[in-house]
Every structure is written in structure tokens, then in C-alpha cells.
């Protein structure tokens, strides 16, 4: 076997490092990468920014702010919810969206870093 060949039983050293030093025994690399992919989609990125700034927003207000239909946004909101980044609750007939506890720690730090770079 050459040095470049990797068997299915061998974990590449970089992945092993991430899993042992960063993720530990409790976090899954694919799940964490999925959160970042969900954040990186432009519409979802904007939704997260609006939720950081406003705290909570009804789906109708998000639709208005993004000039999109509510139905169009549900796909994005569902993806953010599946990634564990937003939660929702009902207030009468309205769906109110807010950052999840995980996102409250992660997302503002990302946007603050971006804001600092813009200055």
C-alpha cells in the first residue's frame, strides 16, 4: 500500500484531530458542519442576522423584510430549525421565530466578527 492510499478502516489524521480535540465524545462532525452550511446560505444568513438584531420575529415580518412569500421562507426556516439554530412558537395564528439557545451563543459571535472586519 502506498502512503497515499487510505483504507476504509483508517481515519485521516486531520479528521481524527478534529474529532478528538474539537468535538470530543459528544459532538458529531457532520452535524456541526451541517449547522455551518445552514448558516452560510444567503437567505438563512439574513434571517439569522434579523433574529440576532430583533430577538423574535413573526414569519410574516420576516417575509416582509426579505420581500419573499411566507411559503418561500418556510423552507429556509425549516432548514434552520433542523440545524438546531432557530426555534418557533405560536402566538395566536402567527409563528414567531427566535434563535435557539445554541444559536444565541454561536451566531452573534459570527456576526460580530464580520462587523469588525467591515469597519
PDB file of N, CA and C in Angstrom:
ATOM      1  N   UNK A   1       0.842  -1.181   0.000  1.00  0.00           N
ATOM      2  CA  UNK A   1       0.000   0.000   0.000  1.00  0.00           C
ATOM      3  C   UNK A   1       0.886   1.242   0.000  1.00  0.00           C
ATOM      4  N   UNK A   2       0.569   2.197  -0.855  1.00  0.00           N
ATOM      5  CA  UNK A   2       1.352   3.429  -0.891  1.00  0.00           C
ATOM      6  C   UNK A   2       0.920   4.338   0.255  1.00  0.00           C
ATOM      7  N   UNK A   3       1.711   5.374   0.490  1.00  0.00           N
ATOM      8  CA  UNK A   3       1.396   6.307   1.570  1.00  0.00           C
ATOM      9  C   UNK A   3       0.087   7.048   1.315  1.00  0.00           C
ATOM     10  N   UNK A   4      -0.306   7.207   0.067  1.00  0.00           N
ATOM     11  CA  UNK A   4      -1.500   7.969  -0.261  1.00  0.00           C
ATOM     12  C   UNK A   4      -2.777   7.162  -0.138  1.00  0.00           C
ATOM     13  N   UNK A   5      -2.669   5.867  -0.111  1.00  0.00           N
ATOM     14  CA  UNK A   5      -3.861   5.035  -0.035  1.00  0.00           C
ATOM     15  C   UNK A   5      -4.364   4.990   1.410  1.00  0.00           C
ATOM     16  N   UNK A   6      -5.644   5.135   1.542  1.00  0.00           N
ATOM     17  CA  UNK A   6      -6.268   5.091   2.862  1.00  0.00           C
ATOM     18  C   UNK A   6      -7.301   3.983   2.829  1.00  0.00           C
ATOM     19  N   UNK A   7      -7.225   3.085   3.766  1.00  0.00           N
ATOM     20  CA  UNK A   7      -8.221   2.023   3.831  1.00  0.00           C
ATOM     21  C   UNK A   7      -9.458   2.543   4.541  1.00  0.00           C
ATOM     22  N   UNK A   8     -10.557   1.849   4.372  1.00  0.00           N
ATOM     23  CA  UNK A   8     -11.804   2.272   5.000  1.00  0.00           C
ATOM     24  C   UNK A   8     -11.730   2.176   6.522  1.00  0.00           C
ATOM     25  N   UNK A   9     -10.733   1.458   7.037  1.00  0.00           N
ATOM     26  CA  UNK A   9     -10.588   1.303   8.489  1.00  0.00           C
ATOM     27  C   UNK A   9      -9.754   2.423   9.098  1.00  0.00           C
ATOM     28  N   UNK A  10      -9.117   3.233   8.268  1.00  0.00           N
ATOM     29  CA  UNK A  10      -8.224   4.273   8.748  1.00  0.00           C
ATOM     30  C   UNK A  10      -8.909   5.634   8.653  1.00  0.00           C
ATOM     31  N   UNK A  11      -8.906   6.369   9.744  1.00  0.00           N
ATOM     32  CA  UNK A  11      -9.422   7.729   9.742  1.00  0.00           C
ATOM     33  C   UNK A  11      -8.268   8.665   9.423  1.00  0.00           C
ATOM     34  N   UNK A  12      -8.433   9.555   8.449  1.00  0.00           N
ATOM     35  CA  UNK A  12      -7.359  10.506   8.152  1.00  0.00           C
ATOM     36  C   UNK A  12      -6.985  11.308   9.395  1.00  0.00           C
ATOM     37  N   UNK A  13      -5.709  11.641   9.544  1.00  0.00           N
ATOM     38  CA  UNK A  13      -5.260  12.309  10.764  1.00  0.00           C
ATOM     39  C   UNK A  13      -5.955  13.641  11.040  1.00  0.00           C
ATOM     40  N   UNK A  14      -6.277  14.395   9.991  1.00  0.00           N
ATOM     41  CA  UNK A  14      -6.964  15.672  10.211  1.00  0.00           C
ATOM     42  C   UNK A  14      -8.348  15.479  10.801  1.00  0.00           C
ATOM     43  N   UNK A  15      -9.073  14.506  10.300  1.00  0.00           N
ATOM     44  CA  UNK A  15     -10.412  14.209  10.825  1.00  0.00           C
ATOM     45  C   UNK A  15     -10.302  13.695  12.251  1.00  0.00           C
ATOM     46  N   UNK A  16      -9.327  12.841  12.492  1.00  0.00           N
ATOM     47  CA  UNK A  16      -9.118  12.310  13.834  1.00  0.00           C
ATOM     48  C   UNK A  16      -8.827  13.442  14.820  1.00  0.00           C
ATOM     49  N   UNK A  17      -8.027  14.406  14.392  1.00  0.00           N
ATOM     50  CA  UNK A  17      -7.688  15.560  15.231  1.00  0.00           C
ATOM     51  C   UNK A  17      -8.934  16.377  15.567  1.00  0.00           C
ATOM     52  N   UNK A  18      -9.754  16.672  14.561  1.00  0.00           N
ATOM     53  CA  UNK A  18     -10.982  17.438  14.777  1.00  0.00           C
ATOM     54  C   UNK A  18     -11.907  16.696  15.756  1.00  0.00           C
ATOM     55  N   UNK A  19     -12.053  15.410  15.518  1.00  0.00           N
ATOM     56  CA  UNK A  19     -12.967  14.647  16.360  1.00  0.00           C
ATOM     57  C   UNK A  19     -12.453  14.504  17.785  1.00  0.00           C
ATOM     58  N   UNK A  20     -11.159  14.345  17.966  1.00  0.00           N
ATOM     59  CA  UNK A  20     -10.645  14.157  19.321  1.00  0.00           C
ATOM     60  C   UNK A  20     -10.448  15.473  20.070  1.00  0.00           C
ATOM     61  N   UNK A  21      -9.941  16.513  19.404  1.00  0.00           N
ATOM     62  CA  UNK A  21      -9.613  17.758  20.095  1.00  0.00           C
ATOM     63  C   UNK A  21     -10.729  18.793  20.095  1.00  0.00           C
ATOM     64  N   UNK A  22     -11.538  18.797  19.058  1.00  0.00           N
ATOM     65  CA  UNK A  22     -12.586  19.817  18.952  1.00  0.00           C
ATOM     66  C   UNK A  22     -13.945  19.293  19.379  1.00  0.00           C
ATOM     67  N   UNK A  23     -14.317  18.147  18.867  1.00  0.00           N
ATOM     68  CA  UNK A  23     -15.676  17.645  19.068  1.00  0.00           C
ATOM     69  C   UNK A  23     -15.823  16.747  20.285  1.00  0.00           C
ATOM     70  N   UNK A  24     -14.760  16.125  20.702  1.00  0.00           N
ATOM     71  CA  UNK A  24     -14.824  15.247  21.860  1.00  0.00           C
ATOM     72  C   UNK A  24     -15.754  14.072  21.625  1.00  0.00           C
ATOM     73  N   UNK A  25     -16.282  13.561  22.679  1.00  0.00           N
ATOM     74  CA  UNK A  25     -17.167  12.400  22.619  1.00  0.00           C
ATOM     75  C   UNK A  25     -18.625  12.765  22.362  1.00  0.00           C
ATOM     76  N   UNK A  26     -18.984  14.042  22.459  1.00  0.00           N
ATOM     77  CA  UNK A  26     -20.396  14.413  22.433  1.00  0.00           C
ATOM     78  C   UNK A  26     -20.888  15.002  21.117  1.00  0.00           C
ATOM     79  N   UNK A  27     -20.015  15.573  20.319  1.00  0.00           N
ATOM     80  CA  UNK A  27     -20.457  16.248  19.103  1.00  0.00           C
ATOM     81  C   UNK A  27     -20.114  15.432  17.858  1.00  0.00           C
ATOM     82  N   UNK A  28     -20.937  15.606  16.833  1.00  0.00           N
ATOM     83  CA  UNK A  28     -20.781  14.895  15.572  1.00  0.00           C
ATOM     84  C   UNK A  28     -20.293  15.869  14.499  1.00  0.00           C
ATOM     85  N   UNK A  29     -19.227  15.502  13.810  1.00  0.00           N
ATOM     86  CA  UNK A  29     -18.624  16.382  12.800  1.00  0.00           C
ATOM     87  C   UNK A  29     -19.596  16.746  11.694  1.00  0.00           C
ATOM     88  N   UNK A  30     -20.346  15.784  11.184  1.00  0.00           N
ATOM     89  CA  UNK A  30     -21.315  16.058  10.117  1.00  0.00           C
ATOM     90  C   UNK A  30     -22.414  17.010  10.598  1.00  0.00           C
ATOM     91  N   UNK A  31     -22.896  16.818  11.813  1.00  0.00           N
ATOM     92  CA  UNK A  31     -23.947  17.682  12.361  1.00  0.00           C
ATOM     93  C   UNK A  31     -23.449  19.119  12.508  1.00  0.00           C
ATOM     94  N   UNK A  32     -22.241  19.274  13.028  1.00  0.00           N
ATOM     95  CA  UNK A  32     -21.693  20.620  13.221  1.00  0.00           C
ATOM     96  C   UNK A  32     -21.415  21.288  11.874  1.00  0.00           C
ATOM     97  N   UNK A  33     -20.888  20.545  10.915  1.00  0.00           N
ATOM     98  CA  UNK A  33     -20.661  21.104   9.578  1.00  0.00           C
ATOM     99  C   UNK A  33     -21.992  21.481   8.935  1.00  0.00           C
ATOM    100  N   UNK A  34     -23.034  20.691   9.175  1.00  0.00           N
ATOM    101  CA  UNK A  34     -24.364  20.998   8.654  1.00  0.00           C
ATOM    102  C   UNK A  34     -24.911  22.305   9.197  1.00  0.00           C
ATOM    103  N   UNK A  35     -24.639  22.582  10.460  1.00  0.00           N
ATOM    104  CA  UNK A  35     -25.067  23.871  11.034  1.00  0.00           C
ATOM    105  C   UNK A  35     -24.418  25.023  10.280  1.00  0.00           C
ATOM    106  N   UNK A  36     -23.129  24.885  10.013  1.00  0.00           N
ATOM    107  CA  UNK A  36     -22.421  25.948   9.301  1.00  0.00           C
ATOM    108  C   UNK A  36     -22.916  26.088   7.870  1.00  0.00           C
ATOM    109  N   UNK A  37     -23.231  24.971   7.219  1.00  0.00           N
ATOM    110  CA  UNK A  37     -23.804  25.042   5.856  1.00  0.00           C
ATOM    111  C   UNK A  37     -25.144  25.764   5.895  1.00  0.00           C
ATOM    112  N   UNK A  38     -25.965  25.455   6.893  1.00  0.00           N
ATOM    113  CA  UNK A  38     -27.275  26.115   7.007  1.00  0.00           C
ATOM    114  C   UNK A  38     -27.103  27.616   7.209  1.00  0.00           C
ATOM    115  N   UNK A  39     -26.127  28.009   8.009  1.00  0.00           N
ATOM    116  CA  UNK A  39     -25.876  29.430   8.246  1.00  0.00           C
ATOM    117  C   UNK A  39     -25.373  30.138   6.996  1.00  0.00           C
ATOM    118  N   UNK A  40     -24.650  29.423   6.140  1.00  0.00           N
ATOM    119  CA  UNK A  40     -23.988  30.039   5.004  1.00  0.00           C
ATOM    120  C   UNK A  40     -24.868  30.339   3.808  1.00  0.00           C
ATOM    121  N   UNK A  41     -26.061  29.768   3.757  1.00  0.00           N
ATOM    122  CA  UNK A  41     -26.964  30.060   2.634  1.00  0.00           C
ATOM    123  C   UNK A  41     -27.431  31.513   2.786  1.00  0.00           C
ATOM    124  N   UNK A  42     -27.381  32.343   1.729  1.00  0.00           N
ATOM    125  CA  UNK A  42     -27.627  33.784   1.866  1.00  0.00           C
ATOM    126  C   UNK A  42     -28.957  34.168   2.525  1.00  0.00           C
ATOM    127  N   UNK A  43     -30.048  33.527   2.177  1.00  0.00           N
ATOM    128  CA  UNK A  43     -31.330  33.880   2.797  1.00  0.00           C
ATOM    129  C   UNK A  43     -31.317  33.512   4.277  1.00  0.00           C
ATOM    130  N   UNK A  44     -30.782  32.363   4.602  1.00  0.00           N
ATOM    131  CA  UNK A  44     -30.724  31.922   6.005  1.00  0.00           C
ATOM    132  C   UNK A  44     -29.777  32.801   6.809  1.00  0.00           C
ATOM    133  N   UNK A  45     -28.683  33.208   6.193  1.00  0.00           N
ATOM    134  CA  UNK A  45     -27.728  34.128   6.815  1.00  0.00           C
ATOM    135  C   UNK A  45     -28.458  35.416   7.211  1.00  0.00           C
ATOM    136  N   UNK A  46     -29.284  35.922   6.302  1.00  0.00           N
ATOM    137  CA  UNK A  46     -30.038  37.152   6.562  1.00  0.00           C
ATOM    138  C   UNK A  46     -31.083  36.942   7.647  1.00  0.00           C
ATOM    139  N   UNK A  47     -31.784  35.821   7.607  1.00  0.00           N
ATOM    140  CA  UNK A  47     -32.779  35.517   8.651  1.00  0.00           C
ATOM    141  C   UNK A  47     -32.102  35.496  10.015  1.00  0.00           C
ATOM    142  N   UNK A  48     -30.962  34.836  10.109  1.00  0.00           N
ATOM    143  CA  UNK A  48     -30.252  34.770  11.389  1.00  0.00           C
ATOM    144  C   UNK A  48     -29.829  36.154  11.855  1.00  0.00           C
ATOM    145  N   UNK A  49     -29.356  36.984  10.930  1.00  0.00           N
ATOM    146  CA  UNK A  49     -28.973  38.345  11.308  1.00  0.00           C
ATOM    147  C   UNK A  49     -30.177  39.116  11.850  1.00  0.00           C
ATOM    148  N   UNK A  50     -31.293  39.014  11.174  1.00  0.00           N
ATOM    149  CA  UNK A  50     -32.500  39.706  11.632  1.00  0.00           C
ATOM    150  C   UNK A  50     -32.920  39.221  13.015  1.00  0.00           C
ATOM    151  N   UNK A  51     -32.798  37.925  13.268  1.00  0.00           N
ATOM    152  CA  UNK A  51     -33.164  37.398  14.583  1.00  0.00           C
ATOM    153  C   UNK A  51     -32.170  37.834  15.657  1.00  0.00           C
ATOM    154  N   UNK A  52     -30.903  37.947  15.311  1.00  0.00           N
ATOM    155  CA  UNK A  52     -29.920  38.476  16.262  1.00  0.00           C
ATOM    156  C   UNK A  52     -30.291  39.908  16.636  1.00  0.00           C
ATOM    157  N   UNK A  53     -30.649  40.712  15.644  1.00  0.00           N
ATOM    158  CA  UNK A  53     -30.949  42.122  15.882  1.00  0.00           C
ATOM    159  C   UNK A  53     -32.291  42.342  16.574  1.00  0.00           C
ATOM    160  N   UNK A  54     -33.294  41.548  16.229  1.00  0.00           N
ATOM    161  CA  UNK A  54     -34.652  41.780  16.730  1.00  0.00           C
ATOM    162  C   UNK A  54     -35.061  40.856  17.879  1.00  0.00           C
ATOM    163  N   UNK A  55     -34.397  39.747  18.027  1.00  0.00           N
ATOM    164  CA  UNK A  55     -34.758  38.796  19.082  1.00  0.00           C
ATOM    165  C   UNK A  55     -35.777  37.773  18.613  1.00  0.00           C
ATOM    166  N   UNK A  56     -36.961  38.228  18.309  1.00  0.00           N
ATOM    167  CA  UNK A  56     -38.036  37.356  17.820  1.00  0.00           C
ATOM    168  C   UNK A  56     -38.752  38.081  16.696  1.00  0.00           C
ATOM    169  N   UNK A  57     -39.164  37.305  15.688  1.00  0.00           N
ATOM    170  CA  UNK A  57     -39.915  37.899  14.583  1.00  0.00           C
ATOM    171  C   UNK A  57     -40.966  36.917  14.093  1.00  0.00           C
ATOM    172  N   UNK A  58     -42.166  37.414  13.801  1.00  0.00           N
ATOM    173  CA  UNK A  58     -43.179  36.565  13.163  1.00  0.00           C
ATOM    174  C   UNK A  58     -42.757  36.244  11.731  1.00  0.00           C
ATOM    175  N   UNK A  59     -43.206  35.100  11.240  1.00  0.00           N
ATOM    176  CA  UNK A  59     -42.850  34.703   9.877  1.00  0.00           C
ATOM    177  C   UNK A  59     -43.317  35.746   8.862  1.00  0.00           C
ATOM    178  N   UNK A  60     -44.448  36.377   9.088  1.00  0.00           N
ATOM    179  CA  UNK A  60     -44.932  37.408   8.169  1.00  0.00           C
ATOM    180  C   UNK A  60     -44.007  38.606   8.105  1.00  0.00           C
ATOM    181  N   UNK A  61     -43.435  38.987   9.237  1.00  0.00           N
ATOM    182  CA  UNK A  61     -42.497  40.108   9.264  1.00  0.00           C
ATOM    183  C   UNK A  61     -41.189  39.723   8.576  1.00  0.00           C
ATOM    184  N   UNK A  62     -40.728  38.499   8.790  1.00  0.00           N
ATOM    185  CA  UNK A  62     -39.542  38.035   8.067  1.00  0.00           C
ATOM    186  C   UNK A  62     -39.789  38.078   6.562  1.00  0.00           C
ATOM    187  N   UNK A  63     -40.946  37.633   6.149  1.00  0.00           N
ATOM    188  CA  UNK A  63     -41.295  37.650   4.718  1.00  0.00           C
ATOM    189  C   UNK A  63     -41.271  39.078   4.186  1.00  0.00           C
ATOM    190  N   UNK A  64     -41.839  40.013   4.944  1.00  0.00           N
ATOM    191  CA  UNK A  64     -41.860  41.410   4.519  1.00  0.00           C
ATOM    192  C   UNK A  64     -40.438  41.969   4.411  1.00  0.00           C
ATOM    193  N   UNK A  65     -39.611  41.703   5.416  1.00  0.00           N
ATOM    194  CA  UNK A  65     -38.250  42.224   5.431  1.00  0.00           C
ATOM    195  C   UNK A  65     -37.393  41.654   4.300  1.00  0.00           C
ATOM    196  N   UNK A  66     -37.713  40.446   3.856  1.00  0.00           N
ATOM    197  CA  UNK A  66     -36.952  39.811   2.789  1.00  0.00           C
ATOM    198  C   UNK A  66     -37.645  39.891   1.436  1.00  0.00           C
ATOM    199  N   UNK A  67     -38.809  40.536   1.407  1.00  0.00           N
ATOM    200  CA  UNK A  67     -39.600  40.655   0.180  1.00  0.00           C
ATOM    201  C   UNK A  67     -39.802  39.288  -0.475  1.00  0.00           C
ATOM    202  N   UNK A  68     -40.227  38.323   0.349  1.00  0.00           N
ATOM    203  CA  UNK A  68     -40.487  36.956  -0.094  1.00  0.00           C
ATOM    204  C   UNK A  68     -41.841  36.535   0.458  1.00  0.00           C
ATOM    205  N   UNK A  69     -42.422  35.519  -0.118  1.00  0.00           N
ATOM    206  CA  UNK A  69     -43.669  34.984   0.440  1.00  0.00           C
ATOM    207  C   UNK A  69     -43.328  34.151   1.677  1.00  0.00           C
ATOM    208  N   UNK A  70     -44.281  34.045   2.583  1.00  0.00           N
ATOM    209  CA  UNK A  70     -44.065  33.218   3.767  1.00  0.00           C
ATOM    210  C   UNK A  70     -43.787  31.775   3.359  1.00  0.00           C
ATOM    211  N   UNK A  71     -44.525  31.276   2.385  1.00  0.00           N
ATOM    212  CA  UNK A  71     -44.310  29.898   1.943  1.00  0.00           C
ATOM    213  C   UNK A  71     -42.895  29.684   1.432  1.00  0.00           C
ATOM    214  N   UNK A  72     -42.341  30.671   0.756  1.00  0.00           N
ATOM    215  CA  UNK A  72     -40.975  30.583   0.263  1.00  0.00           C
ATOM    216  C   UNK A  72     -39.986  30.525   1.430  1.00  0.00           C
ATOM    217  N   UNK A  73     -40.276  31.233   2.496  1.00  0.00           N
ATOM    218  CA  UNK A  73     -39.357  31.274   3.638  1.00  0.00           C
ATOM    219  C   UNK A  73     -39.423  30.025   4.500  1.00  0.00           C
ATOM    220  N   UNK A  74     -40.540  29.323   4.506  1.00  0.00           N
ATOM    221  CA  UNK A  74     -40.668  28.156   5.382  1.00  0.00           C
ATOM    222  C   UNK A  74     -39.591  27.119   5.106  1.00  0.00           C
ATOM    223  N   UNK A  75     -39.216  26.950   3.850  1.00  0.00           N
ATOM    224  CA  UNK A  75     -38.130  26.019   3.516  1.00  0.00           C
ATOM    225  C   UNK A  75     -36.853  26.419   4.268  1.00  0.00           C
ATOM    226  N   UNK A  76     -36.539  27.694   4.265  1.00  0.00           N
ATOM    227  CA  UNK A  76     -35.333  28.189   4.934  1.00  0.00           C
ATOM    228  C   UNK A  76     -35.468  28.101   6.447  1.00  0.00           C
ATOM    229  N   UNK A  77     -36.617  28.457   6.954  1.00  0.00           N
ATOM    230  CA  UNK A  77     -36.840  28.393   8.393  1.00  0.00           C
ATOM    231  C   UNK A  77     -36.803  26.954   8.891  1.00  0.00           C
ATOM    232  N   UNK A  78     -37.372  26.047   8.121  1.00  0.00           N
ATOM    233  CA  UNK A  78     -37.330  24.626   8.480  1.00  0.00           C
ATOM    234  C   UNK A  78     -35.894  24.105   8.489  1.00  0.00           C
ATOM    235  N   UNK A  79     -35.089  24.538   7.522  1.00  0.00           N
ATOM    236  CA  UNK A  79     -33.683  24.112   7.475  1.00  0.00           C
ATOM    237  C   UNK A  79     -32.912  24.639   8.683  1.00  0.00           C
ATOM    238  N   UNK A  80     -33.176  25.888   9.069  1.00  0.00           N
ATOM    239  CA  UNK A  80     -32.522  26.444  10.255  1.00  0.00           C
ATOM    240  C   UNK A  80     -32.975  25.730  11.525  1.00  0.00           C
ATOM    241  N   UNK A  81     -34.250  25.372  11.572  1.00  0.00           N
ATOM    242  CA  UNK A  81     -34.765  24.637  12.722  1.00  0.00           C
ATOM    243  C   UNK A  81     -34.147  23.237  12.784  1.00  0.00           C
ATOM    244  N   UNK A  82     -34.053  22.561  11.650  1.00  0.00           N
ATOM    245  CA  UNK A  82     -33.459  21.221  11.597  1.00  0.00           C
ATOM    246  C   UNK A  82     -31.985  21.260  12.011  1.00  0.00           C
ATOM    247  N   UNK A  83     -31.305  22.360  11.731  1.00  0.00           N
ATOM    248  CA  UNK A  83     -29.902  22.515  12.114  1.00  0.00           C
ATOM    249  C   UNK A  83     -29.755  22.900  13.580  1.00  0.00           C
ATOM    250  N   UNK A  84     -30.867  23.120  14.259  1.00  0.00           N
ATOM    251  CA  UNK A  84     -30.820  23.487  15.672  1.00  0.00           C
ATOM    252  C   UNK A  84     -30.492  24.940  15.922  1.00  0.00           C
ATOM    253  N   UNK A  85     -30.721  25.796  14.927  1.00  0.00           N
ATOM    254  CA  UNK A  85     -30.359  27.207  15.049  1.00  0.00           C
ATOM    255  C   UNK A  85     -31.521  28.125  15.384  1.00  0.00           C
ATOM    256  N   UNK A  86     -32.745  27.736  15.065  1.00  0.00           N
ATOM    257  CA  UNK A  86     -33.908  28.542  15.421  1.00  0.00           C
ATOM    258  C   UNK A  86     -34.974  27.659  16.054  1.00  0.00           C
ATOM    259  N   UNK A  87     -35.809  28.316  16.811  1.00  0.00           N
ATOM    260  CA  UNK A  87     -36.996  27.679  17.363  1.00  0.00           C
ATOM    261  C   UNK A  87     -38.194  28.533  17.005  1.00  0.00           C
ATOM    262  N   UNK A  88     -39.376  27.965  17.173  1.00  0.00           N
ATOM    263  CA  UNK A  88     -40.588  28.722  16.868  1.00  0.00           C
ATOM    264  C   UNK A  88     -41.659  28.372  17.887  1.00  0.00           C
ATOM    265  N   UNK A  89     -42.591  29.293  18.015  1.00  0.00           N
ATOM    266  CA  UNK A  89     -43.777  29.039  18.823  1.00  0.00           C
ATOM    267  C   UNK A  89     -44.938  29.781  18.190  1.00  0.00           C
ATOM    268  N   UNK A  90     -46.113  29.410  18.584  1.00  0.00           N
ATOM    269  CA  UNK A  90     -47.311  30.046  18.043  1.00  0.00           C
ATOM    270  C   UNK A  90     -47.816  31.110  19.011  1.00  0.00           C
ATOM    271  N   UNK A  91     -48.239  32.205  18.440  1.00  0.00           N
ATOM    272  CA  UNK A  91     -48.885  33.283  19.174  1.00  0.00           C
ATOM    273  C   UNK A  91     -50.175  33.564  18.412  1.00  0.00           C
ATOM    274  N   UNK A  92     -51.255  32.929  18.834  1.00  0.00           N
ATOM    275  CA  UNK A  92     -52.490  33.003  18.066  1.00  0.00           C
ATOM    276  C   UNK A  92     -52.278  32.274  16.750  1.00  0.00           C
ATOM    277  N   UNK A  93     -52.502  32.958  15.652  1.00  0.00           N
ATOM    278  CA  UNK A  93     -52.318  32.365  14.338  1.00  0.00           C
ATOM    279  C   UNK A  93     -50.940  32.615  13.747  1.00  0.00           C
ATOM    280  N   UNK A  94     -50.073  33.271  14.489  1.00  0.00           N
ATOM    281  CA  UNK A  94     -48.747  33.623  13.955  1.00  0.00           C
ATOM    282  C   UNK A  94     -47.679  32.655  14.452  1.00  0.00           C
ATOM    283  N   UNK A  95     -46.689  32.407  13.602  1.00  0.00           N
ATOM    284  CA  UNK A  95     -45.498  31.666  14.007  1.00  0.00           C
ATOM    285  C   UNK A  95     -44.407  32.682  14.314  1.00  0.00           C
ATOM    286  N   UNK A  96     -43.890  32.598  15.520  1.00  0.00           N
ATOM    287  CA  UNK A  96     -42.833  33.501  15.949  1.00  0.00           C
ATOM    288  C   UNK A  96     -41.527  32.710  15.968  1.00  0.00           C
ATOM    289  N   UNK A  97     -40.488  33.270  15.349  1.00  0.00           N
ATOM    290  CA  UNK A  97     -39.189  32.607  15.278  1.00  0.00           C
ATOM    291  C   UNK A  97     -38.187  33.350  16.152  1.00  0.00           C
ATOM    292  N   UNK A  98     -37.273  32.565  16.732  1.00  0.00           N
ATOM    293  CA  UNK A  98     -36.209  33.116  17.567  1.00  0.00           C
ATOM    294  C   UNK A  98     -34.994  32.201  17.475  1.00  0.00           C
ATOM    295  N   UNK A  99     -33.845  32.711  17.870  1.00  0.00           N
ATOM    296  CA  UNK A  99     -32.641  31.890  17.897  1.00  0.00           C
ATOM    297  C   UNK A  99     -32.784  30.814  18.960  1.00  0.00           C
ATOM    298  N   UNK A 100     -32.229  29.651  18.704  1.00  0.00           N
ATOM    299  CA  UNK A 100     -32.173  28.595  19.706  1.00  0.00           C
ATOM    300  C   UNK A 100     -31.117  28.966  20.744  1.00  0.00           C
ATOM    301  N   UNK A 101     -31.117  28.298  21.898  1.00  0.00           N
ATOM    302  CA  UNK A 101     -30.055  28.568  22.880  1.00  0.00           C
ATOM    303  C   UNK A 101     -28.647  28.364  22.297  1.00  0.00           C
ATOM    304  N   UNK A 102     -28.468  27.342  21.491  1.00  0.00           N
ATOM    305  CA  UNK A 102     -27.171  27.121  20.838  1.00  0.00           C
ATOM    306  C   UNK A 102     -26.819  28.301  19.949  1.00  0.00           C
ATOM    307  N   UNK A 103     -27.759  28.721  19.131  1.00  0.00           N
ATOM    308  CA  UNK A 103     -27.512  29.832  18.200  1.00  0.00           C
ATOM    309  C   UNK A 103     -27.267  31.135  18.934  1.00  0.00           C
ATOM    310  N   UNK A 104     -27.869  31.314  20.109  1.00  0.00           N
ATOM    311  CA  UNK A 104     -27.637  32.542  20.880  1.00  0.00           C
ATOM    312  C   UNK A 104     -26.174  32.685  21.273  1.00  0.00           C
ATOM    313  N   UNK A 105     -25.470  31.570  21.388  1.00  0.00           N
ATOM    314  CA  UNK A 105     -24.038  31.614  21.693  1.00  0.00           C
ATOM    315  C   UNK A 105     -23.197  31.753  20.426  1.00  0.00           C
ATOM    316  N   UNK A 106     -23.587  31.059  19.394  1.00  0.00           N
ATOM    317  CA  UNK A 106     -22.775  30.945  18.183  1.00  0.00           C
ATOM    318  C   UNK A 106     -22.963  32.100  17.207  1.00  0.00           C
ATOM    319  N   UNK A 107     -24.184  32.397  16.862  1.00  0.00           N
ATOM    320  CA  UNK A 107     -24.472  33.305  15.747  1.00  0.00           C
ATOM    321  C   UNK A 107     -24.055  34.753  16.025  1.00  0.00           C
ATOM    322  N   UNK A 108     -24.355  35.339  17.180  1.00  0.00           N
ATOM    323  CA  UNK A 108     -23.906  36.726  17.398  1.00  0.00           C
ATOM    324  C   UNK A 108     -22.386  36.868  17.307  1.00  0.00           C
ATOM    325  N   UNK A 109     -21.642  35.863  17.748  1.00  0.00           N
ATOM    326  CA  UNK A 109     -20.183  35.928  17.660  1.00  0.00           C
ATOM    327  C   UNK A 109     -19.722  35.951  16.203  1.00  0.00           C
ATOM    328  N   UNK A 110     -20.381  35.186  15.361  1.00  0.00           N
ATOM    329  CA  UNK A 110     -20.045  35.186  13.931  1.00  0.00           C
ATOM    330  C   UNK A 110     -20.308  36.563  13.337  1.00  0.00           C
ATOM    331  N   UNK A 111     -21.486  37.128  13.626  1.00  0.00           N
ATOM    332  CA  UNK A 111     -21.822  38.431  13.053  1.00  0.00           C
ATOM    333  C   UNK A 111     -20.952  39.546  13.623  1.00  0.00           C
ATOM    334  N   UNK A 112     -20.566  39.441  14.882  1.00  0.00           N
ATOM    335  CA  UNK A 112     -19.680  40.449  15.459  1.00  0.00           C
ATOM    336  C   UNK A 112     -18.318  40.422  14.774  1.00  0.00           C
ATOM    337  N   UNK A 113     -17.820  39.234  14.476  1.00  0.00           N
ATOM    338  CA  UNK A 113     -16.552  39.098  13.760  1.00  0.00           C
ATOM    339  C   UNK A 113     -16.657  39.721  12.369  1.00  0.00           C
ATOM    340  N   UNK A 114     -17.764  39.483  11.699  1.00  0.00           N
ATOM    341  CA  UNK A 114     -17.981  40.077  10.371  1.00  0.00           C
ATOM    342  C   UNK A 114     -18.066  41.592  10.479  1.00  0.00           C
ATOM    343  N   UNK A 115     -18.805  42.087  11.468  1.00  0.00           N
ATOM    344  CA  UNK A 115     -18.954  43.538  11.658  1.00  0.00           C
ATOM    345  C   UNK A 115     -17.586  44.179  11.875  1.00  0.00           C
ATOM    346  N   UNK A 116     -16.753  43.551  12.695  1.00  0.00           N
ATOM    347  CA  UNK A 116     -15.413  44.099  12.975  1.00  0.00           C
ATOM    348  C   UNK A 116     -14.575  44.147  11.699  1.00  0.00           C
ATOM    349  N   UNK A 117     -14.708  43.146  10.848  1.00  0.00           N
ATOM    350  CA  UNK A 117     -13.955  43.135   9.593  1.00  0.00           C
ATOM    351  C   UNK A 117     -14.434  44.236   8.665  1.00  0.00           C
ATOM    352  N   UNK A 118     -15.714  44.593   8.742  1.00  0.00           N
ATOM    353  CA  UNK A 118     -16.282  45.606   7.856  1.00  0.00           C
ATOM    354  C   UNK A 118     -15.851  47.021   8.253  1.00  0.00           C
ATOM    355  N   UNK A 119     -15.455  47.184   9.487  1.00  0.00           N
ATOM    356  CA  UNK A 119     -15.099  48.527   9.975  1.00  0.00           C
ATOM    357  C   UNK A 119     -13.737  48.968   9.573  1.00  0.00           C
TER     358      UNK A 119
END
